[in-house]
Each structure stands twice: as structure tokens, then as C-alpha cells.
N, C-alpha and C. Protein backbone atom coordinates (compact mmCIF):
# COMPACT_ATOMS: atom_id res chain seq x y z
N MET A 1 66.70 -33.17 16.84
CA MET A 1 65.71 -32.78 17.78
C MET A 1 64.57 -34.29 18.07
N THR A 2 64.74 -34.52 16.46
CA THR A 2 63.64 -35.85 17.28
C THR A 2 64.80 -37.36 17.78
N ALA A 3 65.11 -37.44 17.92
CA ALA A 3 65.76 -38.51 19.00
C ALA A 3 65.58 -37.55 20.18
N MET A 4 65.86 -36.50 20.12
CA MET A 4 65.57 -35.91 21.77
C MET A 4 63.97 -35.88 22.01
N ILE A 5 62.89 -35.89 21.41
CA ILE A 5 61.51 -35.94 21.38
C ILE A 5 61.35 -37.63 21.96
N GLN A 6 61.88 -38.42 21.29
CA GLN A 6 61.40 -39.74 21.11
C GLN A 6 61.98 -40.56 22.86
N ALA A 7 63.30 -39.86 23.02
CA ALA A 7 63.67 -40.30 24.21
C ALA A 7 63.31 -39.78 25.39
N LEU A 8 62.41 -38.60 25.30
CA LEU A 8 61.86 -37.67 26.06
C LEU A 8 60.50 -38.77 26.12
N VAL A 9 60.04 -39.21 25.76
CA VAL A 9 58.69 -39.60 25.77
C VAL A 9 58.53 -41.01 26.11
N VAL A 10 59.81 -41.66 25.82
CA VAL A 10 60.02 -43.04 26.63
C VAL A 10 60.71 -42.35 28.04
N TRP A 11 61.43 -41.79 28.30
CA TRP A 11 62.03 -41.35 29.67
C TRP A 11 60.54 -40.91 30.94
N LEU A 12 59.92 -40.15 29.89
CA LEU A 12 59.01 -39.49 30.79
C LEU A 12 57.56 -40.69 30.85
N GLY A 13 57.62 -41.70 29.83
CA GLY A 13 56.74 -42.32 30.66
C GLY A 13 57.24 -43.65 31.34
N ASP A 14 58.62 -43.64 31.40
CA ASP A 14 59.68 -44.52 32.79
C ASP A 14 59.08 -43.73 33.98
N GLN A 15 59.43 -42.82 34.06
CA GLN A 15 59.23 -41.85 35.01
C GLN A 15 57.40 -41.71 35.88
N TYR A 16 57.07 -42.23 34.63
CA TYR A 16 55.29 -42.03 35.30
C TYR A 16 55.40 -43.44 35.80
N ASP A 17 55.62 -44.50 35.34
CA ASP A 17 55.53 -45.84 35.68
C ASP A 17 56.24 -46.38 36.90
N GLU A 18 56.99 -45.45 37.63
CA GLU A 18 57.65 -45.84 38.36
C GLU A 18 57.38 -44.52 39.66
N GLY A 19 56.16 -43.89 39.68
CA GLY A 19 55.17 -43.14 40.28
C GLY A 19 56.03 -41.88 40.77
N ILE A 20 56.94 -41.43 39.69
CA ILE A 20 57.65 -40.23 39.27
C ILE A 20 57.26 -39.11 38.61
N TYR A 21 56.49 -37.70 39.49
CA TYR A 21 55.71 -36.79 38.75
C TYR A 21 56.56 -35.83 38.88
N LEU A 22 56.14 -34.84 37.36
CA LEU A 22 57.20 -33.68 36.74
C LEU A 22 55.90 -32.99 37.98
N PRO A 23 56.77 -31.66 38.44
CA PRO A 23 55.99 -30.82 39.13
C PRO A 23 55.57 -29.59 37.94
N LEU A 24 54.24 -29.23 38.20
CA LEU A 24 53.30 -28.17 37.19
C LEU A 24 54.09 -27.12 37.65
N GLN A 25 54.37 -26.40 36.42
CA GLN A 25 54.57 -24.59 36.66
C GLN A 25 53.32 -24.19 36.42
N ARG A 26 53.13 -22.69 36.60
CA ARG A 26 51.91 -21.90 36.68
C ARG A 26 52.23 -21.63 35.03
N TYR A 27 50.74 -21.19 34.89
CA TYR A 27 50.46 -20.88 33.12
C TYR A 27 51.45 -19.68 32.91
N TRP A 28 51.45 -18.97 33.61
CA TRP A 28 52.40 -17.39 33.66
C TRP A 28 54.01 -17.97 33.23
N ILE A 29 54.34 -18.81 34.01
CA ILE A 29 55.77 -18.88 34.02
C ILE A 29 55.60 -19.57 32.59
N VAL A 30 54.95 -20.99 31.89
CA VAL A 30 54.87 -21.49 31.11
C VAL A 30 55.13 -20.37 29.99
N ARG A 31 53.71 -19.84 29.80
CA ARG A 31 54.23 -18.61 28.76
C ARG A 31 55.35 -18.09 28.95
N GLU A 32 55.88 -17.52 29.72
CA GLU A 32 56.77 -16.33 30.01
C GLU A 32 58.23 -17.29 29.66
N ASN A 33 58.27 -18.48 29.59
CA ASN A 33 59.67 -19.03 29.59
C ASN A 33 59.62 -19.31 27.69
N LYS A 34 58.08 -19.63 27.23
CA LYS A 34 58.20 -19.73 25.84
C LYS A 34 58.70 -18.54 25.26
N TRP A 35 57.95 -17.82 25.28
CA TRP A 35 58.48 -15.76 24.87
C TRP A 35 59.68 -16.04 24.89
N ARG A 36 60.85 -16.52 26.14
CA ARG A 36 61.99 -15.96 26.34
C ARG A 36 62.64 -16.99 25.03
N ALA A 37 62.50 -18.16 25.31
CA ALA A 37 62.92 -19.09 24.17
C ALA A 37 62.46 -18.49 23.16
N ALA A 38 61.52 -18.42 22.67
CA ALA A 38 61.51 -17.51 21.52
C ALA A 38 62.26 -16.36 21.15
N ARG A 39 62.18 -15.55 22.06
CA ARG A 39 62.75 -14.27 21.73
C ARG A 39 64.88 -14.42 21.95
N TRP A 40 64.81 -15.55 22.51
CA TRP A 40 66.53 -15.37 22.89
C TRP A 40 66.98 -17.06 21.94
N ALA A 41 66.16 -17.63 22.01
CA ALA A 41 66.70 -19.44 22.12
C ALA A 41 67.49 -19.86 22.77
N LEU A 42 68.59 -20.08 22.54
CA LEU A 42 69.49 -20.92 23.72
C LEU A 42 70.42 -20.46 24.81
N ASP A 43 69.77 -18.85 24.14
CA ASP A 43 70.71 -17.82 25.03
C ASP A 43 69.68 -16.94 26.27
N ALA A 44 68.66 -17.77 26.27
CA ALA A 44 67.66 -17.35 27.08
C ALA A 44 67.48 -17.75 28.70
N GLU A 45 67.24 -16.99 30.09
CA GLU A 45 67.27 -17.90 31.08
C GLU A 45 65.78 -18.08 31.13
N VAL A 46 65.43 -19.05 32.00
CA VAL A 46 63.88 -19.54 31.67
C VAL A 46 63.77 -19.62 33.41
N ILE A 47 62.66 -19.41 33.85
CA ILE A 47 61.97 -19.03 34.98
C ILE A 47 61.73 -20.54 35.52
N ILE A 48 62.13 -20.99 36.44
CA ILE A 48 62.59 -22.25 37.35
C ILE A 48 61.46 -22.43 38.12
N ASP A 49 60.98 -21.52 38.76
CA ASP A 49 59.96 -21.95 40.26
C ASP A 49 59.51 -20.83 40.57
N GLU A 50 58.24 -20.60 41.45
CA GLU A 50 57.64 -19.31 41.95
C GLU A 50 57.84 -18.24 42.07
N ASP A 51 59.22 -18.47 42.58
CA ASP A 51 59.91 -17.17 43.05
C ASP A 51 60.55 -16.24 42.12
N GLY A 52 60.30 -16.98 40.43
CA GLY A 52 60.98 -16.43 40.01
C GLY A 52 62.89 -16.54 39.48
N ARG A 53 63.21 -17.31 40.47
CA ARG A 53 64.69 -17.79 39.98
C ARG A 53 64.84 -18.32 38.69
N LEU A 54 66.03 -17.91 37.85
CA LEU A 54 66.35 -18.15 36.57
C LEU A 54 67.57 -19.01 36.14
N GLU A 55 67.45 -19.58 35.42
CA GLU A 55 68.19 -20.72 34.73
C GLU A 55 68.28 -20.36 33.37
N PRO A 56 70.17 -20.83 33.13
CA PRO A 56 70.42 -20.55 31.60
C PRO A 56 69.32 -21.62 30.98
N LEU A 57 68.35 -21.54 29.53
CA LEU A 57 68.42 -22.42 29.09
C LEU A 57 69.29 -23.61 28.72
N ALA A 58 70.06 -23.15 27.96
CA ALA A 58 71.26 -24.18 27.80
C ALA A 58 71.72 -25.19 28.95
N GLU A 59 71.92 -24.82 30.18
CA GLU A 59 71.90 -25.70 30.84
C GLU A 59 71.06 -26.91 31.34
N SER A 60 69.82 -26.05 31.30
CA SER A 60 68.53 -27.31 31.38
C SER A 60 68.79 -28.06 30.09
N ILE A 61 68.76 -27.93 28.91
CA ILE A 61 68.92 -28.71 28.11
C ILE A 61 69.83 -29.62 28.16
N GLY A 62 71.04 -29.12 28.70
CA GLY A 62 71.80 -30.37 28.84
C GLY A 62 72.23 -31.02 29.69
N ARG A 63 71.55 -30.50 30.85
CA ARG A 63 71.08 -31.53 32.04
C ARG A 63 69.81 -32.92 31.50
N LEU A 64 68.88 -31.88 30.67
CA LEU A 64 67.66 -33.03 30.18
C LEU A 64 68.99 -33.78 29.24
N ILE A 65 69.92 -33.50 28.39
CA ILE A 65 70.25 -34.90 27.15
C ILE A 65 71.12 -35.38 28.21
N GLU A 66 71.61 -35.41 29.42
CA GLU A 66 72.49 -35.89 30.28
C GLU A 66 71.59 -37.76 30.74
N SER A 67 70.05 -37.04 30.91
CA SER A 67 69.27 -37.65 31.78
C SER A 67 68.66 -38.83 30.58
N LEU A 68 68.83 -38.30 29.08
CA LEU A 68 68.05 -38.78 28.25
C LEU A 68 69.08 -40.13 27.63
N GLU A 69 70.37 -39.79 27.58
CA GLU A 69 71.47 -40.43 27.13
C GLU A 69 71.13 -42.19 26.95
N PRO A 70 70.86 -42.37 28.82
CA PRO A 70 70.78 -44.18 28.60
C PRO A 70 69.32 -44.21 27.54
N VAL A 71 68.15 -43.81 27.78
CA VAL A 71 67.44 -44.30 27.37
C VAL A 71 67.47 -44.31 25.51
N SER A 72 68.30 -43.04 25.21
CA SER A 72 69.21 -42.56 23.09
C SER A 72 69.44 -43.89 22.83
N GLU A 73 70.18 -44.64 23.88
CA GLU A 73 71.45 -45.37 23.87
C GLU A 73 70.46 -46.81 23.92
N GLN A 74 69.35 -47.24 24.46
CA GLN A 74 68.44 -48.34 24.22
C GLN A 74 67.69 -48.10 22.94
N LEU A 75 67.54 -47.03 22.26
CA LEU A 75 66.43 -46.54 21.22
C LEU A 75 66.79 -46.70 20.14
N GLY A 76 68.90 -47.04 20.08
CA GLY A 76 69.40 -46.91 19.03
C GLY A 76 69.91 -45.22 18.71
N SER A 77 69.26 -44.21 19.14
CA SER A 77 69.44 -42.94 18.18
C SER A 77 70.35 -42.13 19.50
N HIS A 78 71.12 -42.60 20.20
CA HIS A 78 72.02 -41.90 21.18
C HIS A 78 73.09 -40.79 19.92
N ALA A 79 73.67 -40.92 18.60
CA ALA A 79 74.14 -40.20 17.81
C ALA A 79 73.63 -39.23 17.45
N GLU A 80 71.99 -39.60 17.10
CA GLU A 80 71.10 -38.16 16.57
C GLU A 80 71.13 -37.45 18.36
N LEU A 81 70.81 -38.28 18.95
CA LEU A 81 70.14 -36.86 20.63
C LEU A 81 71.75 -36.04 20.89
N MET A 82 72.89 -36.84 19.81
CA MET A 82 74.60 -35.90 20.37
C MET A 82 74.04 -35.02 19.53
N ARG A 83 73.88 -34.78 18.37
CA ARG A 83 73.43 -33.84 17.70
C ARG A 83 73.03 -32.04 18.13
N VAL A 84 71.99 -32.85 19.41
CA VAL A 84 71.50 -31.61 19.83
C VAL A 84 72.31 -30.88 20.52
N ARG A 85 73.42 -31.74 21.19
CA ARG A 85 74.34 -31.58 21.53
C ARG A 85 75.41 -29.82 21.15
N GLU A 86 76.01 -30.80 19.40
CA GLU A 86 75.85 -29.93 18.52
C GLU A 86 75.56 -28.69 18.24
N VAL A 87 74.41 -28.48 18.39
CA VAL A 87 73.37 -27.73 17.84
C VAL A 87 73.53 -26.59 18.89
N MET A 88 74.02 -26.78 20.37
CA MET A 88 74.65 -26.01 21.62
C MET A 88 75.52 -25.55 21.34
N LYS A 89 75.96 -25.78 20.58
CA LYS A 89 77.52 -25.30 20.45
C LYS A 89 77.48 -23.98 19.17
N THR A 90 76.75 -24.53 18.58
CA THR A 90 77.07 -24.14 17.19
C THR A 90 75.84 -22.75 16.79
N GLY A 91 75.19 -22.68 17.71
CA GLY A 91 73.71 -22.15 17.98
C GLY A 91 73.02 -22.75 16.91
N PRO A 92 71.68 -22.37 16.97
CA PRO A 92 70.85 -22.17 15.62
C PRO A 92 70.80 -21.90 14.68
N SER A 93 70.29 -22.20 13.65
CA SER A 93 70.68 -21.83 11.92
C SER A 93 70.78 -20.60 12.09
N CYS A 94 69.51 -19.41 12.57
CA CYS A 94 69.40 -18.67 12.59
C CYS A 94 70.71 -17.59 13.27
N ALA A 95 71.09 -18.17 13.84
CA ALA A 95 72.32 -17.43 14.57
C ALA A 95 73.19 -17.25 14.12
N ARG A 96 73.53 -18.62 13.21
CA ARG A 96 74.79 -18.86 12.66
C ARG A 96 74.62 -17.72 11.14
N GLN A 97 73.31 -17.32 10.53
CA GLN A 97 73.08 -17.01 9.19
C GLN A 97 73.36 -15.34 10.03
N ARG A 98 72.86 -15.18 11.21
CA ARG A 98 73.28 -13.74 11.54
C ARG A 98 74.72 -13.17 11.70
N ARG A 99 75.22 -14.51 12.21
CA ARG A 99 77.11 -14.30 12.08
C ARG A 99 77.25 -13.93 10.60
N VAL A 100 77.16 -14.84 9.50
CA VAL A 100 77.62 -14.93 8.48
C VAL A 100 77.19 -13.33 7.76
N TYR A 101 76.22 -12.86 8.09
CA TYR A 101 75.56 -11.81 7.86
C TYR A 101 76.74 -10.38 8.22
N ALA A 102 77.05 -10.62 9.57
CA ALA A 102 77.97 -9.77 10.33
C ALA A 102 79.40 -9.95 10.18
N ASP A 103 79.92 -11.06 9.74
CA ASP A 103 80.90 -11.27 8.98
C ASP A 103 81.23 -10.97 7.72
N THR A 104 80.20 -11.09 6.81
CA THR A 104 80.13 -10.95 4.90
C THR A 104 79.43 -9.56 4.42
N GLY A 105 78.36 -9.32 5.06
CA GLY A 105 77.57 -8.25 5.18
C GLY A 105 77.04 -8.91 3.71
N ASP A 106 76.74 -9.55 3.46
CA ASP A 106 76.31 -9.93 1.82
C ASP A 106 75.31 -11.43 2.14
N PHE A 107 74.05 -10.97 1.95
CA PHE A 107 72.83 -11.64 1.94
C PHE A 107 73.26 -13.82 1.25
N THR A 108 73.74 -13.08 0.03
CA THR A 108 74.13 -14.08 -1.05
C THR A 108 75.04 -15.37 -0.30
N ARG A 109 76.08 -14.62 0.85
CA ARG A 109 76.91 -15.49 1.62
C ARG A 109 75.89 -16.43 2.53
N VAL A 110 74.83 -15.59 3.03
CA VAL A 110 73.98 -16.30 4.06
C VAL A 110 73.63 -17.36 3.72
N VAL A 111 72.92 -17.12 2.08
CA VAL A 111 72.17 -18.28 1.37
C VAL A 111 73.26 -19.34 1.18
N ASP A 112 74.02 -19.32 1.15
CA ASP A 112 75.41 -20.16 0.62
C ASP A 112 75.50 -20.88 1.91
N SER A 113 75.58 -20.39 2.70
CA SER A 113 75.94 -21.13 4.45
C SER A 113 75.10 -21.51 4.73
N VAL A 114 73.65 -21.75 4.24
CA VAL A 114 72.36 -22.12 4.59
C VAL A 114 72.20 -23.62 3.63
N VAL A 115 72.48 -23.34 2.37
CA VAL A 115 72.62 -24.52 1.06
C VAL A 115 73.39 -25.25 1.42
N ARG A 116 74.82 -24.95 2.27
CA ARG A 116 76.01 -26.21 2.61
C ARG A 116 75.31 -26.93 3.75
N GLU A 117 74.50 -25.90 4.85
CA GLU A 117 74.23 -27.08 5.86
C GLU A 117 73.17 -27.88 5.86
N LEU A 118 72.62 -27.71 4.67
CA LEU A 118 71.53 -28.66 4.13
C LEU A 118 71.87 -30.00 3.45
N ARG A 119 72.71 -29.16 2.56
CA ARG A 119 73.19 -30.38 1.64
C ARG A 119 74.38 -31.19 2.24
N ASP A 120 74.94 -30.51 3.50
CA ASP A 120 76.44 -31.23 4.41
C ASP A 120 75.64 -32.00 5.40
N SER A 121 74.19 -31.37 6.07
CA SER A 121 74.10 -31.91 7.22
C SER A 121 75.02 -31.85 8.40
N VAL A 122 75.80 -30.30 8.27
CA VAL A 122 76.58 -30.19 8.91
C VAL A 122 76.35 -29.15 9.39
N PRO A 123 76.74 -28.10 10.43
CA PRO A 123 76.04 -26.80 10.93
C PRO A 123 77.69 -25.89 10.57
N VAL A 124 77.48 -24.94 9.59
CA VAL A 124 78.35 -23.92 9.19
C VAL A 124 78.45 -22.65 9.81
N ALA A 125 79.50 -22.68 10.30
CA ALA A 125 79.79 -21.63 11.35
C ALA A 125 79.94 -20.16 10.79
N GLY A 126 80.41 -20.07 9.36
CA GLY A 126 81.21 -19.16 8.53
C GLY A 126 82.04 -18.69 8.07
N ASP A 127 82.40 -17.99 7.39
CA ASP A 127 83.30 -17.88 6.14
C ASP A 127 84.61 -17.50 6.54
């Protein structure tokens, strides 16, 4: 995630230097999208305009990553940026933990999977 933020800051700075400005969203859209992302994580659909059109958050992030790839290569953090794609495929830790519990019904197995992820730095899809 740090690589994505780093590349995003550089990319936004480059856009600004070139006179390209991002459109501002109304406060209610930002607040609603924040809630949607907190509630549904990568499964969220976010509001993209004042007409209320929706777009899957995962698609938005995927396009953003594509835009950031050249910058991350220049920064030497491309591999780390690609880890964000991996998280998008495997889901966030909370979703993986829920899957482990749904599959096993055992909180000990959930904790074990989190420990393995932290130790090995690799998402564990389940047992």
C-alpha cells in the first residue's frame, strides 16, 4: 500500500505540473464513498458523479494501478505496487479471516492463518 501511495503522490504532482487537475467531488459523495468502502471493502460500488452513477471500487483501483505502474517503475517500487493487485485478488485480511472461519468454524484456525500471513508475508486463502 505504501508503494501505491508513494506512486500516487508523484503521479498527482506530475499531473499538477502538467496543468491537469482532478475534478472535485461534492462532500456527500466523498462521505458516502468512504462509508461504502468501509462497509464493503473491495466489493463496494462507489459513486462516480453527481448523477449517482456507480462503479465497482475494484475496477477503479485496477485502473489507478495501471496509471501508476510507470511511476512505480521509476521509483523502484513496481513489485510492491503489484502486491496491491494480489490483495485485490485474495481480498483483504478480514475477508480471508471470515472465509477461514466459515470453512472451519474454529477461531484458532483463523488466528493461525493470520500468524502465517504475517510470518510469511503471503495471504492465506484458507485451509
